[in-house]
Amino acid sequence: MKQLLHLIPISFCILSTPISAAETYQLDPNHTSVQWHVNHLGFSNPSGKWMAQGTLILDQEKPQNSKVDATIHIKNVLTGVPALDEHLTVAPFFNVKQFPTAKFVSDKVTIVDQTHAKVEGTVTINGISKPLTLDVTLNKIGENPINHKMTAGFSATGEVNRSDFGMKAYLPALGDKVDLIIEAEANKA
C-alpha cells in the first residue's frame, strides 16, 4: 500500500499536464505548389510555379497555434517555356547560385472562421526577408484514400512585390506585384 501512495503524486502530475493536440505533418512535395502571376507589359499575366516541401505543425483544437515552415528550390521553376525558366534563375531575377531556396516560416495564425485563417510569417527570397500574410482556406482533413495517411489540404493566396527582393528589372513595364496561389497537401508524419 505504501508503494501505491508514492504513485499518486506522479499520476496526478501526469494527468494535470496539458496534452498538446498539435501533430506534425509533412508537406507532400508532389501535391504542394506555389504558383505566381505577374503582369507582362500590360498584355497578359503569365504564370509559373514551384513545388514546395516542409513541415506543418497542425493543432486542430487550437488552430491559432499551428505553424508552417515551407521551402522551394528556385531552380525548379516551371513556366512552360524552358528559356524563361533558365532566365529567371539568374540576375536580375533570382540568383540560385547564391540563394538556391526561398522559404516561408509562419509566426501567427488568426482564425477567421471554421475554414479560413490569416497566416502571417516571413518569406525569404534572394536572401532578403519580408513579412507575408496568406489568406488560407482549410479544404479538408481526413484519411487519404490512396496512401491511407491522415492528410490536411489547404489553398492560400497572397502577394509580394518583387522589388522588395531586389528584382527591379523592367519596372514598371513588368509588374512589381506578384500574385501567389498556393495549393498544399500535408501528410501526418
N, C-alpha and C. Protein backbone atom coordinates (compact mmCIF):
# COMPACT_ATOMS: atom_id res chain seq x y z
N MET A 1 0.82 -1.19 0.00
CA MET A 1 0.00 0.00 0.00
C MET A 1 0.87 1.26 0.00
N LYS A 2 1.96 1.22 0.77
CA LYS A 2 2.86 2.35 0.85
C LYS A 2 3.43 2.69 -0.53
N GLN A 3 3.74 1.65 -1.32
CA GLN A 3 4.29 1.86 -2.66
C GLN A 3 3.25 2.55 -3.56
N LEU A 4 1.99 2.19 -3.41
CA LEU A 4 0.94 2.80 -4.22
C LEU A 4 0.75 4.28 -3.87
N LEU A 5 0.91 4.64 -2.60
CA LEU A 5 0.77 6.03 -2.20
C LEU A 5 1.82 6.92 -2.88
N HIS A 6 3.00 6.37 -3.13
CA HIS A 6 4.05 7.14 -3.82
C HIS A 6 3.68 7.40 -5.28
N LEU A 7 2.86 6.56 -5.87
CA LEU A 7 2.47 6.72 -7.26
C LEU A 7 1.40 7.79 -7.46
N ILE A 8 0.63 8.08 -6.41
CA ILE A 8 -0.46 9.06 -6.55
C ILE A 8 0.05 10.43 -6.99
N PRO A 9 1.09 11.02 -6.36
CA PRO A 9 1.56 12.33 -6.83
C PRO A 9 2.07 12.27 -8.28
N ILE A 10 2.73 11.19 -8.64
CA ILE A 10 3.23 11.06 -10.01
C ILE A 10 2.06 10.99 -10.98
N SER A 11 1.05 10.20 -10.66
CA SER A 11 -0.12 10.09 -11.53
C SER A 11 -0.83 11.43 -11.66
N PHE A 12 -0.94 12.17 -10.54
CA PHE A 12 -1.60 13.47 -10.58
C PHE A 12 -0.85 14.44 -11.50
N CYS A 13 0.48 14.42 -11.43
CA CYS A 13 1.29 15.30 -12.29
C CYS A 13 1.10 14.96 -13.76
N ILE A 14 1.07 13.68 -14.07
CA ILE A 14 0.89 13.26 -15.46
C ILE A 14 -0.48 13.67 -15.96
N LEU A 15 -1.52 13.46 -15.16
CA LEU A 15 -2.87 13.79 -15.59
C LEU A 15 -3.12 15.29 -15.66
N SER A 16 -2.42 16.07 -14.85
CA SER A 16 -2.66 17.51 -14.85
C SER A 16 -1.81 18.25 -15.89
N THR A 17 -0.87 17.56 -16.53
CA THR A 17 -0.05 18.18 -17.56
C THR A 17 -0.87 18.30 -18.84
N PRO A 18 -0.96 19.52 -19.41
CA PRO A 18 -1.75 19.66 -20.63
C PRO A 18 -1.13 18.86 -21.78
N ILE A 19 -1.97 18.19 -22.50
CA ILE A 19 -1.52 17.41 -23.64
C ILE A 19 -1.80 18.23 -24.89
N SER A 20 -0.76 18.45 -25.65
CA SER A 20 -0.90 19.24 -26.86
C SER A 20 -1.56 18.40 -27.95
N ALA A 21 -2.50 19.02 -28.64
CA ALA A 21 -3.16 18.33 -29.75
C ALA A 21 -2.40 18.55 -31.05
N ALA A 22 -1.30 19.30 -30.98
CA ALA A 22 -0.53 19.59 -32.19
C ALA A 22 0.12 18.32 -32.71
N GLU A 23 0.02 18.15 -34.03
CA GLU A 23 0.61 16.99 -34.68
C GLU A 23 1.47 17.46 -35.84
N THR A 24 2.52 16.72 -36.13
CA THR A 24 3.43 17.08 -37.21
C THR A 24 3.01 16.42 -38.51
N TYR A 25 2.93 17.24 -39.55
CA TYR A 25 2.61 16.79 -40.90
C TYR A 25 3.77 17.21 -41.81
N GLN A 26 4.00 16.43 -42.86
CA GLN A 26 4.99 16.79 -43.87
C GLN A 26 4.26 17.25 -45.12
N LEU A 27 4.67 18.41 -45.65
CA LEU A 27 4.09 18.87 -46.91
C LEU A 27 4.46 17.87 -48.00
N ASP A 28 3.48 17.44 -48.76
CA ASP A 28 3.69 16.48 -49.85
C ASP A 28 4.27 17.25 -51.04
N PRO A 29 5.54 17.02 -51.40
CA PRO A 29 6.16 17.79 -52.48
C PRO A 29 5.56 17.49 -53.86
N ASN A 30 4.76 16.45 -53.97
CA ASN A 30 4.08 16.15 -55.23
C ASN A 30 2.72 16.84 -55.34
N HIS A 31 2.22 17.35 -54.21
CA HIS A 31 0.89 17.97 -54.19
C HIS A 31 0.89 19.32 -53.48
N THR A 32 2.06 19.94 -53.37
CA THR A 32 2.16 21.25 -52.75
C THR A 32 2.91 22.17 -53.70
N SER A 33 2.23 23.23 -54.14
CA SER A 33 2.86 24.12 -55.12
C SER A 33 2.57 25.58 -54.80
N VAL A 34 3.49 26.42 -55.26
CA VAL A 34 3.34 27.86 -55.19
C VAL A 34 3.31 28.35 -56.64
N GLN A 35 2.16 28.85 -57.05
CA GLN A 35 2.01 29.39 -58.40
C GLN A 35 2.03 30.91 -58.31
N TRP A 36 2.63 31.55 -59.31
CA TRP A 36 2.68 33.01 -59.31
C TRP A 36 2.21 33.55 -60.65
N HIS A 37 1.70 34.79 -60.60
CA HIS A 37 1.27 35.54 -61.79
C HIS A 37 1.85 36.94 -61.67
N VAL A 38 2.37 37.45 -62.79
CA VAL A 38 2.89 38.81 -62.82
C VAL A 38 2.46 39.46 -64.13
N ASN A 39 2.15 40.74 -64.08
CA ASN A 39 1.71 41.43 -65.29
C ASN A 39 2.88 41.60 -66.25
N HIS A 40 2.67 41.22 -67.51
CA HIS A 40 3.70 41.29 -68.54
C HIS A 40 3.38 42.40 -69.53
N LEU A 41 3.97 43.57 -69.27
CA LEU A 41 3.88 44.72 -70.17
C LEU A 41 2.44 45.18 -70.41
N GLY A 42 1.54 44.81 -69.51
CA GLY A 42 0.15 45.19 -69.65
C GLY A 42 -0.66 44.30 -70.57
N PHE A 43 0.00 43.34 -71.23
CA PHE A 43 -0.68 42.49 -72.20
C PHE A 43 -1.31 41.24 -71.58
N SER A 44 -0.64 40.65 -70.60
CA SER A 44 -1.12 39.39 -70.02
C SER A 44 -0.54 39.23 -68.62
N ASN A 45 -0.93 38.17 -67.97
CA ASN A 45 -0.45 37.85 -66.62
C ASN A 45 0.08 36.42 -66.60
N PRO A 46 1.25 36.21 -67.20
CA PRO A 46 1.78 34.85 -67.26
C PRO A 46 2.10 34.30 -65.87
N SER A 47 2.26 32.99 -65.82
CA SER A 47 2.46 32.34 -64.54
C SER A 47 3.62 31.37 -64.59
N GLY A 48 4.00 30.94 -63.43
CA GLY A 48 4.98 29.88 -63.24
C GLY A 48 4.69 29.25 -61.90
N LYS A 49 5.39 28.18 -61.61
CA LYS A 49 5.17 27.57 -60.30
C LYS A 49 6.39 26.78 -59.86
N TRP A 50 6.40 26.55 -58.56
CA TRP A 50 7.37 25.68 -57.93
C TRP A 50 6.61 24.67 -57.08
N MET A 51 7.18 23.51 -56.92
CA MET A 51 6.69 22.55 -55.93
C MET A 51 7.38 22.91 -54.61
N ALA A 52 6.73 22.63 -53.50
CA ALA A 52 7.27 23.01 -52.20
C ALA A 52 7.32 21.80 -51.27
N GLN A 53 8.15 21.92 -50.26
CA GLN A 53 8.25 20.89 -49.23
C GLN A 53 8.41 21.58 -47.89
N GLY A 54 8.21 20.83 -46.82
CA GLY A 54 8.35 21.42 -45.50
C GLY A 54 7.52 20.71 -44.46
N THR A 55 7.30 21.42 -43.36
CA THR A 55 6.63 20.84 -42.21
C THR A 55 5.47 21.73 -41.77
N LEU A 56 4.39 21.08 -41.38
CA LEU A 56 3.22 21.75 -40.83
C LEU A 56 2.99 21.18 -39.43
N ILE A 57 2.92 22.04 -38.45
CA ILE A 57 2.50 21.64 -37.11
C ILE A 57 1.04 22.05 -37.02
N LEU A 58 0.15 21.07 -37.00
CA LEU A 58 -1.28 21.33 -37.04
C LEU A 58 -1.91 21.03 -35.68
N ASP A 59 -2.52 22.04 -35.08
CA ASP A 59 -3.22 21.89 -33.82
C ASP A 59 -4.70 22.10 -34.10
N GLN A 60 -5.44 20.99 -34.23
CA GLN A 60 -6.86 21.08 -34.58
C GLN A 60 -7.70 21.67 -33.46
N GLU A 61 -7.29 21.47 -32.20
CA GLU A 61 -8.06 22.01 -31.08
C GLU A 61 -7.83 23.51 -30.92
N LYS A 62 -6.61 23.97 -31.19
CA LYS A 62 -6.27 25.39 -31.11
C LYS A 62 -5.53 25.75 -32.39
N PRO A 63 -6.26 25.90 -33.50
CA PRO A 63 -5.60 26.12 -34.79
C PRO A 63 -4.70 27.35 -34.82
N GLN A 64 -4.94 28.32 -33.93
CA GLN A 64 -4.09 29.51 -33.88
C GLN A 64 -2.66 29.16 -33.45
N ASN A 65 -2.45 27.96 -32.90
CA ASN A 65 -1.12 27.52 -32.51
C ASN A 65 -0.40 26.76 -33.62
N SER A 66 -1.04 26.58 -34.76
CA SER A 66 -0.43 25.85 -35.87
C SER A 66 0.70 26.67 -36.48
N LYS A 67 1.62 25.96 -37.15
CA LYS A 67 2.78 26.62 -37.77
C LYS A 67 3.13 25.90 -39.07
N VAL A 68 3.74 26.65 -39.98
CA VAL A 68 4.22 26.06 -41.22
C VAL A 68 5.63 26.57 -41.51
N ASP A 69 6.44 25.69 -42.06
CA ASP A 69 7.81 26.02 -42.47
C ASP A 69 7.99 25.36 -43.84
N ALA A 70 7.97 26.17 -44.91
CA ALA A 70 7.99 25.64 -46.28
C ALA A 70 9.19 26.16 -47.04
N THR A 71 9.71 25.31 -47.93
CA THR A 71 10.88 25.64 -48.75
C THR A 71 10.60 25.31 -50.20
N ILE A 72 11.06 26.19 -51.10
CA ILE A 72 11.02 25.87 -52.53
C ILE A 72 12.44 25.99 -53.08
N HIS A 73 12.74 25.16 -54.07
CA HIS A 73 14.03 25.20 -54.76
C HIS A 73 13.83 26.04 -56.02
N ILE A 74 14.41 27.22 -56.02
CA ILE A 74 14.19 28.21 -57.07
C ILE A 74 14.53 27.68 -58.46
N LYS A 75 15.59 26.89 -58.59
CA LYS A 75 15.99 26.42 -59.92
C LYS A 75 14.93 25.53 -60.57
N ASN A 76 13.97 25.05 -59.80
CA ASN A 76 12.94 24.16 -60.32
C ASN A 76 11.70 24.90 -60.80
N VAL A 77 11.84 26.18 -61.14
CA VAL A 77 10.70 26.96 -61.62
C VAL A 77 10.17 26.34 -62.92
N LEU A 78 8.84 26.32 -63.05
CA LEU A 78 8.19 25.78 -64.24
C LEU A 78 7.26 26.84 -64.82
N THR A 79 7.61 27.35 -66.01
CA THR A 79 6.74 28.32 -66.69
C THR A 79 6.14 27.74 -67.95
N GLY A 80 6.66 26.61 -68.40
CA GLY A 80 6.24 26.05 -69.68
C GLY A 80 7.11 26.54 -70.83
N VAL A 81 8.03 27.46 -70.53
CA VAL A 81 8.96 28.00 -71.53
C VAL A 81 10.37 27.78 -70.98
N PRO A 82 11.07 26.72 -71.43
CA PRO A 82 12.38 26.39 -70.86
C PRO A 82 13.38 27.56 -70.84
N ALA A 83 13.40 28.38 -71.89
CA ALA A 83 14.33 29.52 -71.91
C ALA A 83 13.99 30.53 -70.83
N LEU A 84 12.70 30.73 -70.56
CA LEU A 84 12.28 31.64 -69.49
C LEU A 84 12.64 31.05 -68.12
N ASP A 85 12.45 29.75 -67.97
CA ASP A 85 12.83 29.10 -66.71
C ASP A 85 14.29 29.40 -66.40
N GLU A 86 15.16 29.23 -67.39
CA GLU A 86 16.59 29.47 -67.21
C GLU A 86 16.85 30.95 -66.91
N HIS A 87 16.18 31.83 -67.65
CA HIS A 87 16.36 33.28 -67.48
C HIS A 87 16.00 33.73 -66.06
N LEU A 88 14.99 33.13 -65.48
CA LEU A 88 14.53 33.54 -64.15
C LEU A 88 15.47 33.10 -63.02
N THR A 89 16.35 32.14 -63.27
CA THR A 89 17.20 31.62 -62.19
C THR A 89 18.49 32.42 -61.99
N VAL A 90 18.70 33.46 -62.82
CA VAL A 90 19.92 34.28 -62.68
C VAL A 90 19.52 35.75 -62.56
N ALA A 91 20.49 36.58 -62.14
CA ALA A 91 20.25 38.02 -62.06
C ALA A 91 19.85 38.52 -63.43
N PRO A 92 18.91 39.44 -63.50
CA PRO A 92 18.42 40.33 -62.46
C PRO A 92 17.20 39.80 -61.70
N PHE A 93 16.91 38.51 -61.83
CA PHE A 93 15.78 37.95 -61.10
C PHE A 93 16.31 37.15 -59.91
N PHE A 94 16.19 35.84 -59.94
CA PHE A 94 16.68 35.03 -58.83
C PHE A 94 18.16 34.72 -59.04
N ASN A 95 18.87 34.55 -57.96
CA ASN A 95 20.28 34.20 -58.01
C ASN A 95 20.44 32.84 -57.34
N VAL A 96 20.18 31.76 -58.11
CA VAL A 96 20.16 30.43 -57.50
C VAL A 96 21.52 29.95 -57.05
N LYS A 97 22.60 30.49 -57.63
CA LYS A 97 23.94 30.07 -57.16
C LYS A 97 24.18 30.53 -55.73
N GLN A 98 23.74 31.74 -55.42
CA GLN A 98 23.95 32.26 -54.07
C GLN A 98 22.77 31.94 -53.14
N PHE A 99 21.55 31.94 -53.69
CA PHE A 99 20.34 31.72 -52.88
C PHE A 99 19.46 30.66 -53.56
N PRO A 100 19.78 29.38 -53.40
CA PRO A 100 19.08 28.33 -54.13
C PRO A 100 17.65 28.06 -53.67
N THR A 101 17.29 28.54 -52.47
CA THR A 101 15.95 28.26 -51.97
C THR A 101 15.26 29.56 -51.53
N ALA A 102 13.95 29.48 -51.51
CA ALA A 102 13.11 30.51 -50.89
C ALA A 102 12.38 29.81 -49.75
N LYS A 103 12.01 30.58 -48.73
CA LYS A 103 11.44 29.96 -47.54
C LYS A 103 10.31 30.83 -46.99
N PHE A 104 9.30 30.16 -46.44
CA PHE A 104 8.25 30.85 -45.69
C PHE A 104 8.12 30.17 -44.34
N VAL A 105 8.18 30.97 -43.27
CA VAL A 105 8.01 30.46 -41.90
C VAL A 105 6.93 31.30 -41.24
N SER A 106 5.88 30.65 -40.78
CA SER A 106 4.78 31.38 -40.14
C SER A 106 5.13 31.74 -38.71
N ASP A 107 4.51 32.82 -38.23
CA ASP A 107 4.68 33.17 -36.82
C ASP A 107 3.36 33.56 -36.15
N LYS A 108 2.27 33.61 -36.94
CA LYS A 108 0.97 33.95 -36.33
C LYS A 108 -0.15 33.41 -37.22
N VAL A 109 -1.14 32.80 -36.58
CA VAL A 109 -2.34 32.34 -37.28
C VAL A 109 -3.53 33.00 -36.62
N THR A 110 -4.30 33.72 -37.41
CA THR A 110 -5.51 34.36 -36.91
C THR A 110 -6.71 33.67 -37.56
N ILE A 111 -7.56 33.07 -36.76
CA ILE A 111 -8.71 32.34 -37.26
C ILE A 111 -9.80 33.33 -37.67
N VAL A 112 -10.31 33.16 -38.89
CA VAL A 112 -11.39 34.00 -39.41
C VAL A 112 -12.73 33.30 -39.17
N ASP A 113 -12.82 32.03 -39.53
CA ASP A 113 -13.98 31.19 -39.26
C ASP A 113 -13.53 29.73 -39.30
N GLN A 114 -14.46 28.79 -39.37
CA GLN A 114 -14.09 27.37 -39.27
C GLN A 114 -13.14 26.89 -40.36
N THR A 115 -13.16 27.52 -41.52
CA THR A 115 -12.31 27.03 -42.60
C THR A 115 -11.36 28.09 -43.16
N HIS A 116 -11.32 29.27 -42.56
CA HIS A 116 -10.47 30.34 -43.08
C HIS A 116 -9.60 30.94 -41.98
N ALA A 117 -8.38 31.30 -42.38
CA ALA A 117 -7.45 31.93 -41.44
C ALA A 117 -6.51 32.86 -42.20
N LYS A 118 -5.94 33.78 -41.47
CA LYS A 118 -4.85 34.61 -41.99
C LYS A 118 -3.58 34.08 -41.34
N VAL A 119 -2.62 33.70 -42.17
CA VAL A 119 -1.35 33.17 -41.67
C VAL A 119 -0.27 34.19 -41.99
N GLU A 120 0.33 34.73 -40.94
CA GLU A 120 1.39 35.72 -41.09
C GLU A 120 2.73 35.05 -40.84
N GLY A 121 3.73 35.52 -41.57
CA GLY A 121 5.06 34.97 -41.38
C GLY A 121 6.09 35.77 -42.15
N THR A 122 7.23 35.14 -42.36
CA THR A 122 8.34 35.77 -43.04
C THR A 122 8.69 34.94 -44.26
N VAL A 123 8.77 35.63 -45.41
CA VAL A 123 9.21 34.97 -46.64
C VAL A 123 10.62 35.49 -46.93
N THR A 124 11.51 34.57 -47.30
CA THR A 124 12.89 34.92 -47.63
C THR A 124 13.16 34.51 -49.06
N ILE A 125 13.52 35.51 -49.89
CA ILE A 125 13.82 35.30 -51.31
C ILE A 125 15.08 36.10 -51.61
N ASN A 126 16.01 35.49 -52.33
CA ASN A 126 17.28 36.16 -52.66
C ASN A 126 17.99 36.68 -51.41
N GLY A 127 17.83 35.97 -50.30
CA GLY A 127 18.48 36.35 -49.06
C GLY A 127 17.85 37.53 -48.34
N ILE A 128 16.72 38.00 -48.82
CA ILE A 128 16.02 39.14 -48.22
C ILE A 128 14.73 38.64 -47.58
N SER A 129 14.51 38.99 -46.33
CA SER A 129 13.32 38.54 -45.59
C SER A 129 12.33 39.68 -45.44
N LYS A 130 11.06 39.38 -45.72
CA LYS A 130 9.97 40.36 -45.62
C LYS A 130 8.74 39.67 -45.04
N PRO A 131 7.85 40.45 -44.40
CA PRO A 131 6.60 39.86 -43.90
C PRO A 131 5.68 39.48 -45.06
N LEU A 132 4.92 38.42 -44.85
CA LEU A 132 3.93 37.96 -45.84
C LEU A 132 2.72 37.45 -45.08
N THR A 133 1.53 37.89 -45.52
CA THR A 133 0.28 37.38 -44.96
C THR A 133 -0.44 36.59 -46.04
N LEU A 134 -0.83 35.38 -45.69
CA LEU A 134 -1.56 34.50 -46.60
C LEU A 134 -3.00 34.36 -46.13
N ASP A 135 -3.94 34.42 -47.07
CA ASP A 135 -5.34 34.09 -46.79
C ASP A 135 -5.50 32.61 -47.07
N VAL A 136 -5.76 31.83 -46.03
CA VAL A 136 -5.73 30.37 -46.13
C VAL A 136 -7.13 29.79 -45.94
N THR A 137 -7.45 28.81 -46.79
CA THR A 137 -8.68 28.04 -46.68
C THR A 137 -8.33 26.60 -46.36
N LEU A 138 -8.91 26.06 -45.30
CA LEU A 138 -8.79 24.64 -45.00
C LEU A 138 -9.78 23.91 -45.89
N ASN A 139 -9.26 23.04 -46.76
CA ASN A 139 -10.13 22.30 -47.67
C ASN A 139 -10.68 21.04 -47.02
N LYS A 140 -9.79 20.28 -46.35
CA LYS A 140 -10.24 19.00 -45.79
C LYS A 140 -9.13 18.42 -44.93
N ILE A 141 -9.53 17.74 -43.86
CA ILE A 141 -8.63 16.91 -43.07
C ILE A 141 -9.28 15.54 -42.98
N GLY A 142 -8.54 14.52 -43.33
CA GLY A 142 -9.08 13.16 -43.27
C GLY A 142 -8.08 12.16 -43.82
N GLU A 143 -8.49 10.90 -43.81
CA GLU A 143 -7.61 9.86 -44.34
C GLU A 143 -7.59 9.94 -45.86
N ASN A 144 -6.39 9.98 -46.40
CA ASN A 144 -6.20 9.98 -47.85
C ASN A 144 -6.50 8.57 -48.35
N PRO A 145 -7.43 8.40 -49.29
CA PRO A 145 -7.80 7.05 -49.74
C PRO A 145 -6.72 6.36 -50.57
N ILE A 146 -5.71 7.11 -51.00
CA ILE A 146 -4.65 6.50 -51.81
C ILE A 146 -3.49 6.01 -50.94
N ASN A 147 -2.99 6.88 -50.04
CA ASN A 147 -1.84 6.46 -49.22
C ASN A 147 -2.24 6.06 -47.80
N HIS A 148 -3.52 6.21 -47.46
CA HIS A 148 -4.07 5.84 -46.16
C HIS A 148 -3.43 6.59 -44.99
N LYS A 149 -2.90 7.78 -45.27
CA LYS A 149 -2.34 8.63 -44.23
C LYS A 149 -3.33 9.75 -43.92
N MET A 150 -3.32 10.21 -42.67
CA MET A 150 -4.11 11.38 -42.31
C MET A 150 -3.51 12.55 -43.09
N THR A 151 -4.37 13.27 -43.80
CA THR A 151 -3.92 14.32 -44.70
C THR A 151 -4.73 15.59 -44.46
N ALA A 152 -4.03 16.72 -44.52
CA ALA A 152 -4.69 18.03 -44.42
C ALA A 152 -4.43 18.77 -45.72
N GLY A 153 -5.49 19.37 -46.28
CA GLY A 153 -5.36 20.09 -47.55
C GLY A 153 -5.77 21.54 -47.39
N PHE A 154 -4.98 22.43 -48.00
CA PHE A 154 -5.20 23.87 -47.88
C PHE A 154 -5.04 24.55 -49.23
N SER A 155 -5.72 25.67 -49.41
CA SER A 155 -5.50 26.59 -50.52
C SER A 155 -5.21 27.95 -49.90
N ALA A 156 -4.32 28.72 -50.53
CA ALA A 156 -3.96 30.03 -49.97
C ALA A 156 -3.63 31.01 -51.09
N THR A 157 -3.79 32.29 -50.77
CA THR A 157 -3.41 33.35 -51.69
C THR A 157 -2.64 34.41 -50.92
N GLY A 158 -1.81 35.14 -51.66
CA GLY A 158 -1.05 36.24 -51.08
C GLY A 158 -0.41 37.03 -52.20
N GLU A 159 0.38 38.01 -51.83
CA GLU A 159 1.09 38.77 -52.85
C GLU A 159 2.38 39.34 -52.27
N VAL A 160 3.36 39.48 -53.15
CA VAL A 160 4.63 40.12 -52.80
C VAL A 160 4.98 41.12 -53.89
N ASN A 161 5.83 42.06 -53.57
CA ASN A 161 6.41 42.95 -54.58
C ASN A 161 7.81 42.44 -54.87
N ARG A 162 8.07 42.14 -56.13
CA ARG A 162 9.37 41.56 -56.47
C ARG A 162 10.51 42.53 -56.19
N SER A 163 10.24 43.84 -56.27
CA SER A 163 11.29 44.83 -55.99
C SER A 163 11.77 44.75 -54.54
N ASP A 164 10.91 44.28 -53.63
CA ASP A 164 11.31 44.11 -52.23
C ASP A 164 12.43 43.09 -52.07
N PHE A 165 12.60 42.24 -53.07
CA PHE A 165 13.59 41.17 -53.01
C PHE A 165 14.71 41.40 -54.03
N GLY A 166 14.89 42.66 -54.43
CA GLY A 166 15.98 43.02 -55.32
C GLY A 166 15.74 42.76 -56.79
N MET A 167 14.52 42.41 -57.17
CA MET A 167 14.21 42.11 -58.57
C MET A 167 13.50 43.31 -59.20
N LYS A 168 14.29 44.26 -59.68
CA LYS A 168 13.73 45.52 -60.20
C LYS A 168 13.80 45.61 -61.72
N ALA A 169 14.24 44.56 -62.38
CA ALA A 169 14.39 44.59 -63.84
C ALA A 169 13.06 44.85 -64.52
N TYR A 170 13.10 45.76 -65.49
CA TYR A 170 11.98 46.08 -66.38
C TYR A 170 10.80 46.76 -65.69
N LEU A 171 11.01 47.25 -64.45
CA LEU A 171 9.95 48.01 -63.79
C LEU A 171 9.78 49.35 -64.49
N PRO A 172 8.63 49.92 -64.65
CA PRO A 172 7.34 49.40 -64.21
C PRO A 172 6.62 48.58 -65.28
N ALA A 173 7.21 48.44 -66.48
CA ALA A 173 6.52 47.72 -67.55
C ALA A 173 6.18 46.29 -67.14
N LEU A 174 7.15 45.59 -66.55
CA LEU A 174 6.91 44.26 -66.00
C LEU A 174 6.47 44.48 -64.56
N GLY A 175 5.30 43.99 -64.23
CA GLY A 175 4.68 44.30 -62.94
C GLY A 175 5.56 44.04 -61.73
N ASP A 176 5.36 44.85 -60.72
CA ASP A 176 6.05 44.67 -59.45
C ASP A 176 5.30 43.68 -58.56
N LYS A 177 3.98 43.81 -58.55
CA LYS A 177 3.15 42.94 -57.70
C LYS A 177 3.09 41.53 -58.30
N VAL A 178 3.36 40.55 -57.47
CA VAL A 178 3.30 39.15 -57.88
C VAL A 178 2.22 38.47 -57.05
N ASP A 179 1.19 37.97 -57.72
CA ASP A 179 0.12 37.25 -57.03
C ASP A 179 0.52 35.80 -56.82
N LEU A 180 0.28 35.31 -55.62
CA LEU A 180 0.63 33.94 -55.25
C LEU A 180 -0.64 33.11 -55.05
N ILE A 181 -0.62 31.90 -55.58
CA ILE A 181 -1.70 30.93 -55.35
C ILE A 181 -1.02 29.65 -54.87
N ILE A 182 -1.39 29.20 -53.70
CA ILE A 182 -0.73 28.05 -53.08
C ILE A 182 -1.75 26.94 -52.89
N GLU A 183 -1.37 25.75 -53.28
CA GLU A 183 -2.16 24.54 -53.01
C GLU A 183 -1.26 23.60 -52.21
N ALA A 184 -1.77 23.08 -51.12
CA ALA A 184 -0.92 22.26 -50.25
C ALA A 184 -1.67 21.05 -49.72
N GLU A 185 -0.96 19.92 -49.70
CA GLU A 185 -1.40 18.72 -49.00
C GLU A 185 -0.28 18.33 -48.07
N ALA A 186 -0.65 17.99 -46.85
CA ALA A 186 0.35 17.58 -45.85
C ALA A 186 -0.10 16.27 -45.24
N ASN A 187 0.83 15.33 -45.13
CA ASN A 187 0.54 14.01 -44.57
C ASN A 187 1.09 13.92 -43.16
N LYS A 188 0.31 13.33 -42.27
CA LYS A 188 0.75 13.17 -40.88
C LYS A 188 2.01 12.33 -40.86
N ALA A 189 3.00 12.84 -40.13
CA ALA A 189 4.31 12.15 -40.07
C ALA A 189 4.18 10.85 -39.31
